[in-house]
Each structure stands twice: as structure tokens, then as C-alpha cells.
């Protein structure tokens, strides 16, 4: 469900903009697509690996919108786009898990 909404936003971006460069994609992805992916808790803790792959597929599709990046492999596209898209959803999941664990640990042992 979440991936469907995000995929629809990627399709809207693709159909709406005739010209797309890396900076425009960063802005549009960050404001229109990524919030749909980050909203649901299942993003950060999907029960199944296939769920994480479905969500990651949205990001792969979005990075192919820029014509100059289309022929590159996924990892190269992420490096080229760098900023908002660079950290894959899996890396973000790990970062938030660590942050949550630190917060939970501090709540149990207040200073």
C-alpha cells in the first residue's frame, strides 16, 4: 500500500516534468516520494525481506528518471544523486534502529 502511493508519485513526477536533472529529482523525491515511504512503520521494520525489497524498488525506479543516470547501476545512481536519495532505505532503517535503541536505553537508566 505504501509502496503503491510512492510509486504513483514517481509516475506523476515522470509524466509531469519534461526536463529532469539530478537537483530537480532530489527536491521532488524528498518532498513528494520519500514522505510516503517514511510515514509507515513497516518501512523501518518490515516483517519480511520481500517487503523491504518492494519499498527499495520504488527508490530504484525514481533514480532512473534522470536521463543521464538511466544507464548506470543503482549504486552508481545513488552516489551521483548523493544527498537525499543517497542513503538507501535499509541504511536509514539501521540508523533509526540505533537511535531508538539509544533512546530506549536512556529511558531505562535516567541520569
C-alpha atoms as a PDB file:
ATOM      1  CA  UNK A   1       0.000   0.000   0.000  1.00  0.00           C
ATOM      2  CA  UNK A   2       2.721   2.486   0.975  1.00  0.00           C
ATOM      3  CA  UNK A   3       4.884   1.451  -1.952  1.00  0.00           C
ATOM      4  CA  UNK A   4       1.913   1.895  -4.296  1.00  0.00           C
ATOM      5  CA  UNK A   5       1.406   5.500  -3.210  1.00  0.00           C
ATOM      6  CA  UNK A   6       5.098   6.259  -3.545  1.00  0.00           C
ATOM      7  CA  UNK A   7       5.181   4.593  -6.975  1.00  0.00           C
ATOM      8  CA  UNK A   8       2.230   6.718  -8.059  1.00  0.00           C
ATOM      9  CA  UNK A   9       4.141   9.831  -7.030  1.00  0.00           C
ATOM     10  CA  UNK A  10       7.158   8.683  -9.070  1.00  0.00           C
ATOM     11  CA  UNK A  11       4.830   8.215 -12.051  1.00  0.00           C
ATOM     12  CA  UNK A  12       3.359  11.686 -11.581  1.00  0.00           C
ATOM     13  CA  UNK A  13       6.850  13.176 -11.483  1.00  0.00           C
ATOM     14  CA  UNK A  14       7.845  11.268 -14.618  1.00  0.00           C
ATOM     15  CA  UNK A  15       4.748  12.396 -16.552  1.00  0.00           C
ATOM     16  CA  UNK A  16       4.713  15.996 -15.333  1.00  0.00           C
ATOM     17  CA  UNK A  17       8.287  17.098 -15.931  1.00  0.00           C
ATOM     18  CA  UNK A  18       9.736  17.135 -19.441  1.00  0.00           C
ATOM     19  CA  UNK A  19      13.208  18.052 -18.212  1.00  0.00           C
ATOM     20  CA  UNK A  20      14.729  16.298 -15.235  1.00  0.00           C
ATOM     21  CA  UNK A  21      18.182  16.772 -13.790  1.00  0.00           C
ATOM     22  CA  UNK A  22      19.696  15.496 -10.576  1.00  0.00           C
ATOM     23  CA  UNK A  23      18.869  18.564  -8.479  1.00  0.00           C
ATOM     24  CA  UNK A  24      15.226  18.652  -9.536  1.00  0.00           C
ATOM     25  CA  UNK A  25      14.859  14.936  -8.800  1.00  0.00           C
ATOM     26  CA  UNK A  26      16.412  15.386  -5.347  1.00  0.00           C
ATOM     27  CA  UNK A  27      13.909  18.087  -4.471  1.00  0.00           C
ATOM     28  CA  UNK A  28      10.889  16.275  -5.890  1.00  0.00           C
ATOM     29  CA  UNK A  29      11.854  12.925  -4.391  1.00  0.00           C
ATOM     30  CA  UNK A  30      12.483  14.441  -0.993  1.00  0.00           C
ATOM     31  CA  UNK A  31       9.168  16.311  -0.932  1.00  0.00           C
ATOM     32  CA  UNK A  32       6.791  14.001  -2.820  1.00  0.00           C
ATOM     33  CA  UNK A  33       8.009  10.401  -2.679  1.00  0.00           C
ATOM     34  CA  UNK A  34      10.107   9.885   0.436  1.00  0.00           C
ATOM     35  CA  UNK A  35       7.418  11.050   2.916  1.00  0.00           C
ATOM     36  CA  UNK A  36       5.132   8.255   1.701  1.00  0.00           C
ATOM     37  CA  UNK A  37       7.878   5.715   2.311  1.00  0.00           C
ATOM     38  CA  UNK A  38       8.867   7.083   5.697  1.00  0.00           C
ATOM     39  CA  UNK A  39       5.333   7.507   7.024  1.00  0.00           C
ATOM     40  CA  UNK A  40       4.557   3.869   7.720  1.00  0.00           C
ATOM     41  CA  UNK A  41       6.256   1.963  10.498  1.00  0.00           C
ATOM     42  CA  UNK A  42       6.592  -1.069   8.227  1.00  0.00           C
ATOM     43  CA  UNK A  43       9.347   0.787   6.397  1.00  0.00           C
ATOM     44  CA  UNK A  44      11.624   0.753   9.381  1.00  0.00           C
ATOM     45  CA  UNK A  45      10.814  -2.779  10.493  1.00  0.00           C
ATOM     46  CA  UNK A  46       9.371  -4.812   7.625  1.00  0.00           C
ATOM     47  CA  UNK A  47       8.486  -8.317   8.727  1.00  0.00           C
ATOM     48  CA  UNK A  48       9.711  -9.914   5.552  1.00  0.00           C
ATOM     49  CA  UNK A  49      12.704  -9.264   3.331  1.00  0.00           C
ATOM     50  CA  UNK A  50      10.385  -9.112   0.313  1.00  0.00           C
ATOM     51  CA  UNK A  51       8.605  -6.105   1.874  1.00  0.00           C
ATOM     52  CA  UNK A  52      11.899  -4.248   2.171  1.00  0.00           C
ATOM     53  CA  UNK A  53      12.708  -5.125  -1.442  1.00  0.00           C
ATOM     54  CA  UNK A  54       9.353  -3.780  -2.660  1.00  0.00           C
ATOM     55  CA  UNK A  55       9.985  -0.500  -0.893  1.00  0.00           C
ATOM     56  CA  UNK A  56      13.552  -0.288  -2.174  1.00  0.00           C
ATOM     57  CA  UNK A  57      12.238  -0.888  -5.713  1.00  0.00           C
ATOM     58  CA  UNK A  58      10.405   2.463  -5.535  1.00  0.00           C
ATOM     59  CA  UNK A  59      13.700   4.207  -4.887  1.00  0.00           C
ATOM     60  CA  UNK A  60      15.383   2.324  -7.729  1.00  0.00           C
ATOM     61  CA  UNK A  61      12.622   3.424 -10.104  1.00  0.00           C
ATOM     62  CA  UNK A  62      12.861   7.047  -9.001  1.00  0.00           C
ATOM     63  CA  UNK A  63      16.599   7.194  -9.613  1.00  0.00           C
ATOM     64  CA  UNK A  64      16.074   6.109 -13.236  1.00  0.00           C
ATOM     65  CA  UNK A  65      14.036   9.228 -14.065  1.00  0.00           C
ATOM     66  CA  UNK A  66      17.122  11.350 -14.748  1.00  0.00           C
ATOM     67  CA  UNK A  67      18.175  10.578 -18.347  1.00  0.00           C
ATOM     68  CA  UNK A  68      21.896  10.978 -17.641  1.00  0.00           C
ATOM     69  CA  UNK A  69      21.710   8.362 -14.869  1.00  0.00           C
ATOM     70  CA  UNK A  70      19.427   5.844 -16.552  1.00  0.00           C
ATOM     71  CA  UNK A  71      22.177   3.519 -17.795  1.00  0.00           C
ATOM     72  CA  UNK A  72      24.124   3.449 -14.518  1.00  0.00           C
ATOM     73  CA  UNK A  73      23.727   0.712 -11.952  1.00  0.00           C
ATOM     74  CA  UNK A  74      21.661   1.509  -8.868  1.00  0.00           C
ATOM     75  CA  UNK A  75      24.623   2.072  -6.543  1.00  0.00           C
ATOM     76  CA  UNK A  76      26.245   4.486  -9.022  1.00  0.00           C
ATOM     77  CA  UNK A  77      22.977   6.418  -9.356  1.00  0.00           C
ATOM     78  CA  UNK A  78      22.790   6.734  -5.573  1.00  0.00           C
ATOM     79  CA  UNK A  79      26.372   8.008  -5.396  1.00  0.00           C
ATOM     80  CA  UNK A  80      25.702  10.501  -8.167  1.00  0.00           C
ATOM     81  CA  UNK A  81      22.498  11.783  -6.571  1.00  0.00           C
ATOM     82  CA  UNK A  82      24.280  11.843  -3.217  1.00  0.00           C
ATOM     83  CA  UNK A  83      22.135  13.973  -0.886  1.00  0.00           C
ATOM     84  CA  UNK A  84      18.556  12.988  -0.109  1.00  0.00           C
ATOM     85  CA  UNK A  85      18.446   9.764  -2.070  1.00  0.00           C
ATOM     86  CA  UNK A  86      21.961   8.595  -1.278  1.00  0.00           C
ATOM     87  CA  UNK A  87      21.168   6.764   1.901  1.00  0.00           C
ATOM     88  CA  UNK A  88      19.098   3.789   0.920  1.00  0.00           C
ATOM     89  CA  UNK A  89      16.075   2.894   2.967  1.00  0.00           C
ATOM     90  CA  UNK A  90      17.962  -0.010   4.522  1.00  0.00           C
ATOM     91  CA  UNK A  91      20.720   2.299   5.760  1.00  0.00           C
ATOM     92  CA  UNK A  92      18.104   4.658   7.168  1.00  0.00           C
ATOM     93  CA  UNK A  93      16.431   1.746   8.924  1.00  0.00           C
ATOM     94  CA  UNK A  94      19.676   0.825  10.649  1.00  0.00           C
ATOM     95  CA  UNK A  95      20.317   4.427  11.660  1.00  0.00           C
ATOM     96  CA  UNK A  96      16.833   4.800  13.167  1.00  0.00           C
ATOM     97  CA  UNK A  97      17.051   1.427  14.908  1.00  0.00           C
ATOM     98  CA  UNK A  98      20.281   2.514  16.592  1.00  0.00           C
ATOM     99  CA  UNK A  99      18.737   5.847  17.541  1.00  0.00           C
ATOM    100  CA  UNK A 100      15.680   4.104  19.001  1.00  0.00           C
ATOM    101  CA  UNK A 101      17.836   1.683  20.975  1.00  0.00           C
ATOM    102  CA  UNK A 102      19.861   4.554  22.409  1.00  0.00           C
ATOM    103  CA  UNK A 103      16.681   6.380  23.371  1.00  0.00           C
ATOM    104  CA  UNK A 104      15.224   3.266  25.000  1.00  0.00           C
ATOM    105  CA  UNK A 105      18.445   2.618  26.887  1.00  0.00           C
ATOM    106  CA  UNK A 106      18.490   6.193  28.230  1.00  0.00           C
ATOM    107  CA  UNK A 107      14.870   5.894  29.334  1.00  0.00           C
ATOM    108  CA  UNK A 108      15.643   2.819  31.436  1.00  0.00           C
ATOM    109  CA  UNK A 109      18.688   4.407  33.042  1.00  0.00           C
ATOM    110  CA  UNK A 110      17.860   8.076  33.603  1.00  0.00           C
ATOM    111  CA  UNK A 111      20.792  10.244  34.552  1.00  0.00           C
END
